[in-house]
Amino acid sequence: MDIRQLESLLEVIHSPTMTRAAENLRLSPAAVSRQIQALASELGVDLFVKSGRKLTPTPAALRLAEQAKAVMVRFQYLKKDFANDAARDSRPFHFASGTTTLIYRLASPALGHPINKLRKELPNLDLHVSVLTTEGIVAGLLDRRFDLGLISLPVKTNNLRIVPLFDEELLVIRPSPKQVHGNHIGMIRPSQLENVPFLLYTKGTNMRQVIDRFLESLGLKPRVIMEASDTEAIKHLVESGLGYSILPEHALRRSTKYFQTLRVAGHRLIRRQAFAMPLTSRPRALTEYVAMFLKKALDNSR
C-alpha cells in the first residue's frame, strides 16, 4: 500500500467517472485502475462494484476512505514541514558561533542587532543558538547537529561549504594603572613582550594556534600564566593587573577601561571569519537564506 493508491481511491470515490478521476490525477484510466486493483488485492476486499459505466464504492471502500483522508492530511503536513522553502521552514534551525563574534557582531546594538533583524525577517524561524569554539562548531556541523556555524579559519576539512565573511585584527592589551578613554591603538615593540605574563585562550583551540604562530614569528616564547576560553574573563583579569593578552579588536571597543590597546610595530595579526555549513547534495534553503542575510548585515556594519 502506498500514498498514491490511497489518493486514487479517494479521487475515484469523489469523481463521477474513472475517466474524470484519471484526469484529475493526471494519470491514464488504466493506471488508476491498476492502483485500485492492487490496493484491493493487498487488503483482500472488493472496493468498487461496477454497474454499467459507473463504479459504486463498497462499504469497505468507504471505511478505508475515512482512514485514507486522515493519512492524506498527515502526509500534507509532512510535506509542508519538510518543504525546502526558507520562508515556510519552521523546523528547528541550529546556529553556532564563538562568544566574541556573537556578542560584539551578531547581537550588537551598535551594529543594528543582526540576529533580531533575522527574527523579524523570518517570523517562522525556530532559532537555537550554541556558543562554542571553532573546533566544537566544526564537529557539530560534520555530524549535522548544527545547520550553520560562524567559525575562524583555517579549518582542516573538505566536508564543509565555506562562505568568507571578514577579517578581524587581534590586538595586544596590557593593564593600565589609570582609566583609558576612547579606542586609541598604541604601538609596542616585540622586545617589550619578552618575559611578560600572558593570559591566553585555551591551548589547542583555533584562536590559540593563530596567536602562538604570531608570537613565534616574532621570535617570542610567551610566558603563559593562565588560559581561559572566555574573552570577557580575560579582559577583566588584564584590567586587574594579572598580565597581558591578545584579543579580537571588536571585543575591545569600550568607552572607558583599565587596559591599553596596542599593535605590534610592523606586524598585524588577523583572524579570518567565515560561515560554514554541511556540504550536501540536498542543501536546506533556510541555511542558505540565513547565511546570506547575516552576511549582508555584517558587510553593511563595517
C-alpha atoms as a PDB file:
ATOM      1  CA  MET A   1       0.000   0.000   0.000  1.00  0.00           C
ATOM      2  CA  ASP A   2       1.309   3.460  -0.837  1.00  0.00           C
ATOM      3  CA  ILE A   3       0.079   7.030  -0.740  1.00  0.00           C
ATOM      4  CA  ARG A   4      -0.676   7.107  -4.478  1.00  0.00           C
ATOM      5  CA  GLN A   5      -3.102   4.215  -4.136  1.00  0.00           C
ATOM      6  CA  LEU A   6      -4.982   5.950  -1.328  1.00  0.00           C
ATOM      7  CA  GLU A   7      -5.052   9.176  -3.352  1.00  0.00           C
ATOM      8  CA  SER A   8      -6.535   7.254  -6.311  1.00  0.00           C
ATOM      9  CA  LEU A   9      -9.153   5.645  -4.085  1.00  0.00           C
ATOM     10  CA  LEU A  10     -10.376   8.988  -2.773  1.00  0.00           C
ATOM     11  CA  GLU A  11     -10.408  10.555  -6.228  1.00  0.00           C
ATOM     12  CA  VAL A  12     -12.426   7.679  -7.770  1.00  0.00           C
ATOM     13  CA  ILE A  13     -14.968   7.830  -4.923  1.00  0.00           C
ATOM     14  CA  HIS A  14     -15.483  11.578  -5.378  1.00  0.00           C
ATOM     15  CA  SER A  15     -15.429  11.691  -9.198  1.00  0.00           C
ATOM     16  CA  PRO A  16     -18.395  10.861 -11.447  1.00  0.00           C
ATOM     17  CA  THR A  17     -16.342   8.528 -13.676  1.00  0.00           C
ATOM     18  CA  MET A  18     -12.998   6.760 -13.767  1.00  0.00           C
ATOM     19  CA  THR A  19     -12.048   8.951 -16.719  1.00  0.00           C
ATOM     20  CA  ARG A  20     -12.633  12.148 -14.709  1.00  0.00           C
ATOM     21  CA  ALA A  21     -10.713  10.724 -11.736  1.00  0.00           C
ATOM     22  CA  ALA A  22      -7.775   9.868 -14.006  1.00  0.00           C
ATOM     23  CA  GLU A  23      -7.795  13.392 -15.482  1.00  0.00           C
ATOM     24  CA  ASN A  24      -7.722  14.929 -12.001  1.00  0.00           C
ATOM     25  CA  LEU A  25      -4.823  12.673 -11.024  1.00  0.00           C
ATOM     26  CA  ARG A  26      -3.043  13.297 -14.341  1.00  0.00           C
ATOM     27  CA  LEU A  27      -2.849   9.570 -14.983  1.00  0.00           C
ATOM     28  CA  SER A  28      -4.382   7.247 -17.538  1.00  0.00           C
ATOM     29  CA  PRO A  29      -7.618   5.380 -16.578  1.00  0.00           C
ATOM     30  CA  ALA A  30      -5.681   2.125 -16.886  1.00  0.00           C
ATOM     31  CA  ALA A  31      -3.031   3.324 -14.403  1.00  0.00           C
ATOM     32  CA  VAL A  32      -5.689   4.365 -11.878  1.00  0.00           C
ATOM     33  CA  SER A  33      -7.489   1.022 -12.339  1.00  0.00           C
ATOM     34  CA  ARG A  34      -4.238  -0.864 -11.650  1.00  0.00           C
ATOM     35  CA  GLN A  35      -3.657   1.090  -8.432  1.00  0.00           C
ATOM     36  CA  ILE A  36      -7.197   0.357  -7.188  1.00  0.00           C
ATOM     37  CA  GLN A  37      -6.872  -3.345  -8.081  1.00  0.00           C
ATOM     38  CA  ALA A  38      -3.505  -3.612  -6.309  1.00  0.00           C
ATOM     39  CA  LEU A  39      -4.963  -1.964  -3.197  1.00  0.00           C
ATOM     40  CA  ALA A  40      -7.989  -4.284  -3.200  1.00  0.00           C
ATOM     41  CA  SER A  41      -5.779  -7.323  -3.661  1.00  0.00           C
ATOM     42  CA  GLU A  42      -3.479  -6.345  -0.791  1.00  0.00           C
ATOM     43  CA  LEU A  43      -6.402  -5.783   1.591  1.00  0.00           C
ATOM     44  CA  GLY A  44      -8.355  -8.802   0.355  1.00  0.00           C
ATOM     45  CA  VAL A  45     -11.617  -6.873  -0.198  1.00  0.00           C
ATOM     46  CA  ASP A  46     -13.715  -5.563  -3.052  1.00  0.00           C
ATOM     47  CA  LEU A  47     -13.533  -1.794  -3.206  1.00  0.00           C
ATOM     48  CA  PHE A  48     -15.878  -0.990  -6.094  1.00  0.00           C
ATOM     49  CA  VAL A  49     -18.853  -2.598  -7.781  1.00  0.00           C
ATOM     50  CA  LYS A  50     -19.263  -1.852 -11.498  1.00  0.00           C
ATOM     51  CA  SER A  51     -22.753  -1.053 -12.747  1.00  0.00           C
ATOM     52  CA  GLY A  52     -22.583  -0.180 -16.447  1.00  0.00           C
ATOM     53  CA  ARG A  53     -20.030   2.646 -16.669  1.00  0.00           C
ATOM     54  CA  LYS A  54     -20.498   3.646 -13.033  1.00  0.00           C
ATOM     55  CA  LEU A  55     -18.312   2.464 -10.141  1.00  0.00           C
ATOM     56  CA  THR A  56     -20.009   2.229  -6.767  1.00  0.00           C
ATOM     57  CA  PRO A  57     -17.803   2.096  -3.652  1.00  0.00           C
ATOM     58  CA  THR A  58     -18.369  -0.811  -1.297  1.00  0.00           C
ATOM     59  CA  PRO A  59     -18.742  -0.361   2.489  1.00  0.00           C
ATOM     60  CA  ALA A  60     -15.122  -1.491   2.793  1.00  0.00           C
ATOM     61  CA  ALA A  61     -14.036   1.269   0.364  1.00  0.00           C
ATOM     62  CA  LEU A  62     -15.963   3.893   2.315  1.00  0.00           C
ATOM     63  CA  ARG A  63     -14.455   2.726   5.603  1.00  0.00           C
ATOM     64  CA  LEU A  64     -10.984   2.766   4.054  1.00  0.00           C
ATOM     65  CA  ALA A  65     -11.640   6.241   2.608  1.00  0.00           C
ATOM     66  CA  GLU A  66     -12.239   7.702   6.096  1.00  0.00           C
ATOM     67  CA  GLN A  67      -8.857   6.449   7.249  1.00  0.00           C
ATOM     68  CA  ALA A  68      -7.216   7.459   3.969  1.00  0.00           C
ATOM     69  CA  LYS A  69      -8.383  11.061   4.492  1.00  0.00           C
ATOM     70  CA  ALA A  70      -6.560  11.170   7.834  1.00  0.00           C
ATOM     71  CA  VAL A  71      -3.446   9.707   6.206  1.00  0.00           C
ATOM     72  CA  MET A  72      -3.573  12.324   3.428  1.00  0.00           C
ATOM     73  CA  VAL A  73      -3.879  15.152   5.956  1.00  0.00           C
ATOM     74  CA  ARG A  74      -0.836  13.835   7.802  1.00  0.00           C
ATOM     75  CA  PHE A  75       1.036  13.402   4.540  1.00  0.00           C
ATOM     76  CA  GLN A  76       0.345  17.008   3.530  1.00  0.00           C
ATOM     77  CA  TYR A  77       1.545  18.138   6.964  1.00  0.00           C
ATOM     78  CA  LEU A  78       4.785  16.211   6.498  1.00  0.00           C
ATOM     79  CA  LYS A  79       5.323  17.724   3.049  1.00  0.00           C
ATOM     80  CA  LYS A  80       4.777  21.208   4.459  1.00  0.00           C
ATOM     81  CA  ASP A  81       7.020  20.551   7.454  1.00  0.00           C
ATOM     82  CA  PHE A  82       9.886  19.441   5.210  1.00  0.00           C
ATOM     83  CA  ALA A  83       9.231  21.883   2.386  1.00  0.00           C
ATOM     84  CA  ASN A  84      12.556  23.358   1.267  1.00  0.00           C
ATOM     85  CA  ASP A  85      11.269  26.918   1.453  1.00  0.00           C
ATOM     86  CA  ALA A  86      13.103  29.336   3.728  1.00  0.00           C
ATOM     87  CA  ALA A  87      10.028  31.483   4.454  1.00  0.00           C
ATOM     88  CA  ARG A  88       7.865  28.494   5.476  1.00  0.00           C
ATOM     89  CA  ASP A  89      10.530  26.323   7.115  1.00  0.00           C
ATOM     90  CA  SER A  90       9.550  26.074  10.796  1.00  0.00           C
ATOM     91  CA  ARG A  91      11.783  23.160  11.746  1.00  0.00           C
ATOM     92  CA  PRO A  92      14.400  23.905  14.445  1.00  0.00           C
ATOM     93  CA  PHE A  93      17.385  25.764  12.997  1.00  0.00           C
ATOM     94  CA  HIS A  94      20.646  25.267  14.892  1.00  0.00           C
ATOM     95  CA  PHE A  95      23.254  28.017  14.636  1.00  0.00           C
ATOM     96  CA  ALA A  96      26.642  28.025  16.376  1.00  0.00           C
ATOM     97  CA  SER A  97      29.110  30.853  16.947  1.00  0.00           C
ATOM     98  CA  GLY A  98      32.022  31.877  19.096  1.00  0.00           C
ATOM     99  CA  THR A  99      31.252  34.085  22.096  1.00  0.00           C
ATOM    100  CA  THR A 100      33.084  37.198  20.896  1.00  0.00           C
ATOM    101  CA  THR A 101      31.521  37.293  17.428  1.00  0.00           C
ATOM    102  CA  LEU A 102      28.066  36.585  18.810  1.00  0.00           C
ATOM    103  CA  ILE A 103      28.222  39.352  21.429  1.00  0.00           C
ATOM    104  CA  TYR A 104      30.108  42.013  19.505  1.00  0.00           C
ATOM    105  CA  ARG A 105      28.789  41.385  15.985  1.00  0.00           C
ATOM    106  CA  LEU A 106      25.601  39.351  15.683  1.00  0.00           C
ATOM    107  CA  ALA A 107      23.879  40.603  18.858  1.00  0.00           C
ATOM    108  CA  SER A 108      25.446  44.049  18.999  1.00  0.00           C
ATOM    109  CA  PRO A 109      23.101  47.059  19.282  1.00  0.00           C
ATOM    110  CA  ALA A 110      25.887  49.171  17.771  1.00  0.00           C
ATOM    111  CA  LEU A 111      25.668  47.029  14.612  1.00  0.00           C
ATOM    112  CA  GLY A 112      21.874  47.015  14.484  1.00  0.00           C
ATOM    113  CA  HIS A 113      21.172  43.643  16.164  1.00  0.00           C
ATOM    114  CA  PRO A 114      21.606  41.366  13.091  1.00  0.00           C
ATOM    115  CA  ILE A 115      20.097  38.376  14.953  1.00  0.00           C
ATOM    116  CA  ASN A 116      16.989  40.375  15.885  1.00  0.00           C
ATOM    117  CA  LYS A 117      16.636  41.594  12.297  1.00  0.00           C
ATOM    118  CA  LEU A 118      16.768  37.982  11.139  1.00  0.00           C
ATOM    119  CA  ARG A 119      13.946  37.018  13.518  1.00  0.00           C
ATOM    120  CA  LYS A 120      11.781  39.832  12.174  1.00  0.00           C
ATOM    121  CA  GLU A 121      12.551  38.855   8.589  1.00  0.00           C
ATOM    122  CA  LEU A 122      11.603  35.202   9.225  1.00  0.00           C
ATOM    123  CA  PRO A 123       8.715  35.038  11.756  1.00  0.00           C
ATOM    124  CA  ASN A 124       8.564  31.226  11.448  1.00  0.00           C
ATOM    125  CA  LEU A 125      12.239  30.789  12.316  1.00  0.00           C
ATOM    126  CA  ASP A 126      12.766  28.435  15.270  1.00  0.00           C
ATOM    127  CA  LEU A 127      16.308  29.557  16.056  1.00  0.00           C
ATOM    128  CA  HIS A 128      18.556  27.727  18.519  1.00  0.00           C
ATOM    129  CA  VAL A 129      21.995  29.249  19.230  1.00  0.00           C
ATOM    130  CA  SER A 130      25.019  27.411  20.646  1.00  0.00           C
ATOM    131  CA  VAL A 131      28.243  29.106  21.778  1.00  0.00           C
ATOM    132  CA  LEU A 132      31.363  27.026  21.160  1.00  0.00           C
ATOM    133  CA  THR A 133      34.937  27.179  19.923  1.00  0.00           C
ATOM    134  CA  THR A 134      35.606  26.725  16.215  1.00  0.00           C
ATOM    135  CA  GLU A 135      36.620  23.110  16.891  1.00  0.00           C
ATOM    136  CA  GLY A 136      33.288  22.338  18.568  1.00  0.00           C
ATOM    137  CA  ILE A 137      31.332  24.094  15.825  1.00  0.00           C
ATOM    138  CA  VAL A 138      33.085  22.166  13.052  1.00  0.00           C
ATOM    139  CA  ALA A 139      32.427  18.853  14.839  1.00  0.00           C
ATOM    140  CA  GLY A 140      28.749  19.782  15.212  1.00  0.00           C
ATOM    141  CA  LEU A 141      28.442  20.718  11.549  1.00  0.00           C
ATOM    142  CA  LEU A 142      30.025  17.483  10.399  1.00  0.00           C
ATOM    143  CA  ASP A 143      27.618  15.314  12.408  1.00  0.00           C
ATOM    144  CA  ARG A 144      24.668  17.575  11.420  1.00  0.00           C
ATOM    145  CA  ARG A 145      23.874  18.869  14.916  1.00  0.00           C
ATOM    146  CA  PHE A 146      24.243  22.395  13.506  1.00  0.00           C
ATOM    147  CA  ASP A 147      22.852  23.857  10.293  1.00  0.00           C
ATOM    148  CA  LEU A 148      25.194  26.852  10.188  1.00  0.00           C
ATOM    149  CA  GLY A 149      28.280  27.962  12.068  1.00  0.00           C
ATOM    150  CA  LEU A 150      30.380  31.109  12.275  1.00  0.00           C
ATOM    151  CA  ILE A 151      33.992  29.982  12.589  1.00  0.00           C
ATOM    152  CA  SER A 152      37.575  31.197  12.470  1.00  0.00           C
ATOM    153  CA  LEU A 153      39.704  29.978   9.579  1.00  0.00           C
ATOM    154  CA  PRO A 154      41.541  27.860   8.694  1.00  0.00           C
ATOM    155  CA  VAL A 155      39.795  24.541   9.305  1.00  0.00           C
ATOM    156  CA  LYS A 156      41.053  21.151   8.151  1.00  0.00           C
ATOM    157  CA  THR A 157      38.097  19.513   6.396  1.00  0.00           C
ATOM    158  CA  ASN A 158      36.724  19.257   2.870  1.00  0.00           C
ATOM    159  CA  ASN A 159      33.194  18.366   4.013  1.00  0.00           C
ATOM    160  CA  LEU A 160      32.013  21.914   4.691  1.00  0.00           C
ATOM    161  CA  ARG A 161      30.947  24.736   2.435  1.00  0.00           C
ATOM    162  CA  ILE A 162      32.793  27.896   3.484  1.00  0.00           C
ATOM    163  CA  VAL A 163      31.441  31.434   2.945  1.00  0.00           C
ATOM    164  CA  PRO A 164      34.183  34.017   3.770  1.00  0.00           C
ATOM    165  CA  LEU A 165      32.978  36.964   5.862  1.00  0.00           C
ATOM    166  CA  PHE A 166      35.501  39.421   7.236  1.00  0.00           C
ATOM    167  CA  ASP A 167      38.985  39.784   8.660  1.00  0.00           C
ATOM    168  CA  GLU A 168      39.392  40.990  12.228  1.00  0.00           C
ATOM    169  CA  GLU A 169      42.576  42.256  13.815  1.00  0.00           C
ATOM    170  CA  LEU A 170      43.803  40.802  17.098  1.00  0.00           C
ATOM    171  CA  LEU A 171      45.460  43.319  19.391  1.00  0.00           C
ATOM    172  CA  VAL A 172      47.692  43.225  22.445  1.00  0.00           C
ATOM    173  CA  ILE A 173      46.219  44.564  25.675  1.00  0.00           C
ATOM    174  CA  ARG A 174      48.113  45.341  28.875  1.00  0.00           C
ATOM    175  CA  PRO A 175      46.988  46.692  32.259  1.00  0.00           C
ATOM    176  CA  SER A 176      46.766  50.432  32.782  1.00  0.00           C
ATOM    177  CA  PRO A 177      47.024  51.994  36.269  1.00  0.00           C
ATOM    178  CA  LYS A 178      44.617  54.735  35.221  1.00  0.00           C
ATOM    179  CA  GLN A 179      41.410  54.737  33.245  1.00  0.00           C
ATOM    180  CA  VAL A 180      41.813  54.811  29.459  1.00  0.00           C
ATOM    181  CA  HIS A 181      39.230  56.670  27.360  1.00  0.00           C
ATOM    182  CA  GLY A 182      38.387  56.026  23.713  1.00  0.00           C
ATOM    183  CA  ASN A 183      39.667  53.420  21.306  1.00  0.00           C
ATOM    184  CA  HIS A 184      43.184  54.663  20.596  1.00  0.00           C
ATOM    185  CA  ILE A 185      45.586  51.914  19.475  1.00  0.00           C
ATOM    186  CA  GLY A 186      49.184  52.431  20.533  1.00  0.00           C
ATOM    187  CA  MET A 187      52.360  50.671  19.424  1.00  0.00           C
ATOM    188  CA  ILE A 188      54.580  48.179  21.188  1.00  0.00           C
ATOM    189  CA  ARG A 189      57.876  46.605  20.093  1.00  0.00           C
ATOM    190  CA  PRO A 190      58.280  42.811  20.067  1.00  0.00           C
ATOM    191  CA  SER A 191      61.125  43.131  22.590  1.00  0.00           C
ATOM    192  CA  GLN A 192      58.694  44.712  25.064  1.00  0.00           C
ATOM    193  CA  LEU A 193      56.705  41.448  25.124  1.00  0.00           C
ATOM    194  CA  GLU A 194      59.615  39.297  26.241  1.00  0.00           C
ATOM    195  CA  ASN A 195      59.042  37.611  29.615  1.00  0.00           C
ATOM    196  CA  VAL A 196      55.763  39.436  30.320  1.00  0.00           C
ATOM    197  CA  PRO A 197      52.967  37.304  31.843  1.00  0.00           C
ATOM    198  CA  PHE A 198      50.291  36.323  29.295  1.00  0.00           C
ATOM    199  CA  LEU A 199      46.650  35.319  29.708  1.00  0.00           C
ATOM    200  CA  LEU A 200      45.752  33.480  26.523  1.00  0.00           C
ATOM    201  CA  TYR A 201      42.972  31.376  25.057  1.00  0.00           C
ATOM    202  CA  THR A 202      42.951  27.670  25.842  1.00  0.00           C
ATOM    203  CA  LYS A 203      45.727  25.687  24.181  1.00  0.00           C
ATOM    204  CA  GLY A 204      44.663  23.632  21.151  1.00  0.00           C
ATOM    205  CA  THR A 205      41.888  26.000  20.061  1.00  0.00           C
ATOM    206  CA  ASN A 206      41.948  27.674  16.670  1.00  0.00           C
ATOM    207  CA  MET A 207      42.428  31.127  18.218  1.00  0.00           C
ATOM    208  CA  ARG A 208      45.319  29.985  20.396  1.00  0.00           C
ATOM    209  CA  GLN A 209      47.041  28.391  17.399  1.00  0.00           C
ATOM    210  CA  VAL A 210      46.768  31.675  15.463  1.00  0.00           C
ATOM    211  CA  ILE A 211      48.230  33.611  18.411  1.00  0.00           C
ATOM    212  CA  ASP A 212      51.014  31.094  19.066  1.00  0.00           C
ATOM    213  CA  ARG A 213      52.106  31.206  15.415  1.00  0.00           C
ATOM    214  CA  PHE A 214      52.145  35.006  15.526  1.00  0.00           C
ATOM    215  CA  LEU A 215      54.276  35.149  18.667  1.00  0.00           C
ATOM    216  CA  GLU A 216      56.609  32.522  17.229  1.00  0.00           C
ATOM    217  CA  SER A 217      57.036  34.662  14.085  1.00  0.00           C
ATOM    218  CA  LEU A 218      58.161  37.482  16.382  1.00  0.00           C
ATOM    219  CA  GLY A 219      60.755  35.198  17.959  1.00  0.00           C
ATOM    220  CA  LEU A 220      58.838  35.132  21.243  1.00  0.00           C
ATOM    221  CA  LYS A 221      58.010  32.234  23.535  1.00  0.00           C
ATOM    222  CA  PRO A 222      55.195  33.580  25.719  1.00  0.00           C
ATOM    223  CA  ARG A 223      55.208  33.079  29.477  1.00  0.00           C
ATOM    224  CA  VAL A 224      51.609  31.908  29.848  1.00  0.00           C
ATOM    225  CA  ILE A 225      50.353  32.146  33.440  1.00  0.00           C
ATOM    226  CA  MET A 226      46.701  31.432  32.713  1.00  0.00           C
ATOM    227  CA  GLU A 227      44.457  30.021  29.964  1.00  0.00           C
ATOM    228  CA  ALA A 228      40.741  30.728  29.502  1.00  0.00           C
ATOM    229  CA  SER A 229      38.102  30.404  26.793  1.00  0.00           C
ATOM    230  CA  ASP A 230      36.055  33.462  27.792  1.00  0.00           C
ATOM    231  CA  THR A 231      37.092  36.802  26.281  1.00  0.00           C
ATOM    232  CA  GLU A 232      35.296  38.874  28.920  1.00  0.00           C
ATOM    233  CA  ALA A 233      37.005  36.997  31.746  1.00  0.00           C
ATOM    234  CA  ILE A 234      40.414  37.571  30.156  1.00  0.00           C
ATOM    235  CA  LYS A 235      39.721  41.317  29.766  1.00  0.00           C
ATOM    236  CA  HIS A 236      38.751  41.720  33.407  1.00  0.00           C
ATOM    237  CA  LEU A 237      41.800  39.799  34.586  1.00  0.00           C
ATOM    238  CA  VAL A 238      44.069  42.002  32.469  1.00  0.00           C
ATOM    239  CA  GLU A 239      42.394  45.079  33.990  1.00  0.00           C
ATOM    240  CA  SER A 240      43.099  43.654  37.439  1.00  0.00           C
ATOM    241  CA  GLY A 241      46.812  43.723  36.579  1.00  0.00           C
ATOM    242  CA  LEU A 242      47.355  39.987  36.181  1.00  0.00           C
ATOM    243  CA  GLY A 243      49.060  40.173  32.791  1.00  0.00           C
ATOM    244  CA  TYR A 244      48.918  40.870  29.045  1.00  0.00           C
ATOM    245  CA  SER A 245      46.698  39.243  26.447  1.00  0.00           C
ATOM    246  CA  ILE A 246      45.847  39.220  22.726  1.00  0.00           C
ATOM    247  CA  LEU A 247      42.147  39.612  21.884  1.00  0.00           C
ATOM    248  CA  PRO A 248      39.857  40.444  18.925  1.00  0.00           C
ATOM    249  CA  GLU A 249      39.620  44.162  18.208  1.00  0.00           C
ATOM    250  CA  HIS A 250      35.805  44.280  18.323  1.00  0.00           C
ATOM    251  CA  ALA A 251      35.808  42.968  21.891  1.00  0.00           C
ATOM    252  CA  LEU A 252      37.996  45.885  22.989  1.00  0.00           C
ATOM    253  CA  ARG A 253      35.750  48.758  21.942  1.00  0.00           C
ATOM    254  CA  ARG A 254      34.776  50.219  25.277  1.00  0.00           C
ATOM    255  CA  SER A 255      34.461  53.908  26.073  1.00  0.00           C
ATOM    256  CA  THR A 256      36.470  53.500  29.290  1.00  0.00           C
ATOM    257  CA  LYS A 257      38.678  50.687  30.539  1.00  0.00           C
ATOM    258  CA  TYR A 258      41.745  49.918  32.615  1.00  0.00           C
ATOM    259  CA  PHE A 259      43.842  48.452  29.816  1.00  0.00           C
ATOM    260  CA  GLN A 260      45.839  49.825  26.896  1.00  0.00           C
ATOM    261  CA  THR A 261      45.215  48.545  23.375  1.00  0.00           C
ATOM    262  CA  LEU A 262      48.363  48.012  21.318  1.00  0.00           C
ATOM    263  CA  ARG A 263      49.555  46.861  17.895  1.00  0.00           C
ATOM    264  CA  VAL A 264      52.957  45.247  17.487  1.00  0.00           C
ATOM    265  CA  ALA A 265      55.050  47.681  15.449  1.00  0.00           C
ATOM    266  CA  GLY A 266      55.477  46.463  11.882  1.00  0.00           C
ATOM    267  CA  HIS A 267      53.205  43.448  12.382  1.00  0.00           C
ATOM    268  CA  ARG A 268      49.467  42.859  12.104  1.00  0.00           C
ATOM    269  CA  LEU A 269      47.700  39.787  13.453  1.00  0.00           C
ATOM    270  CA  ILE A 270      44.500  38.958  11.555  1.00  0.00           C
ATOM    271  CA  ARG A 271      41.926  36.238  12.070  1.00  0.00           C
ATOM    272  CA  ARG A 272      39.586  35.320   9.214  1.00  0.00           C
ATOM    273  CA  GLN A 273      35.914  34.693   9.939  1.00  0.00           C
ATOM    274  CA  ALA A 274      33.556  32.653   7.781  1.00  0.00           C
ATOM    275  CA  PHE A 275      30.221  30.904   7.741  1.00  0.00           C
ATOM    276  CA  ALA A 276      30.384  27.135   7.409  1.00  0.00           C
ATOM    277  CA  MET A 277      27.592  24.711   6.546  1.00  0.00           C
ATOM    278  CA  PRO A 278      27.451  20.990   5.776  1.00  0.00           C
ATOM    279  CA  LEU A 279      28.392  20.119   2.222  1.00  0.00           C
ATOM    280  CA  THR A 280      25.397  18.156   0.918  1.00  0.00           C
ATOM    281  CA  SER A 281      23.637  17.338  -2.334  1.00  0.00           C
ATOM    282  CA  ARG A 282      20.350  18.466  -0.735  1.00  0.00           C
ATOM    283  CA  PRO A 283      21.112  21.808   0.949  1.00  0.00           C
ATOM    284  CA  ARG A 284      18.454  23.306   3.188  1.00  0.00           C
ATOM    285  CA  ALA A 285      17.131  26.534   1.653  1.00  0.00           C
ATOM    286  CA  LEU A 286      16.816  28.128   5.107  1.00  0.00           C
ATOM    287  CA  THR A 287      20.533  27.628   5.781  1.00  0.00           C
ATOM    288  CA  GLU A 288      21.488  29.490   2.620  1.00  0.00           C
ATOM    289  CA  TYR A 289      18.984  32.270   3.390  1.00  0.00           C
ATOM    290  CA  VAL A 290      20.203  32.786   6.965  1.00  0.00           C
ATOM    291  CA  ALA A 291      23.852  32.782   5.888  1.00  0.00           C
ATOM    292  CA  MET A 292      23.303  35.359   3.149  1.00  0.00           C
ATOM    293  CA  PHE A 293      21.063  37.547   5.351  1.00  0.00           C
ATOM    294  CA  LEU A 294      23.601  37.696   8.176  1.00  0.00           C
ATOM    295  CA  LYS A 295      26.499  38.137   5.738  1.00  0.00           C
ATOM    296  CA  LYS A 296      24.784  41.189   4.251  1.00  0.00           C
ATOM    297  CA  ALA A 297      24.081  42.581   7.735  1.00  0.00           C
ATOM    298  CA  LEU A 298      27.719  42.118   8.740  1.00  0.00           C
ATOM    299  CA  ASP A 299      29.002  43.595   5.462  1.00  0.00           C
ATOM    300  CA  ASN A 300      26.820  46.688   5.974  1.00  0.00           C
ATOM    301  CA  SER A 301      28.023  47.114   9.559  1.00  0.00           C
ATOM    302  CA  ARG A 302      31.664  47.568   8.650  1.00  0.00           C
END
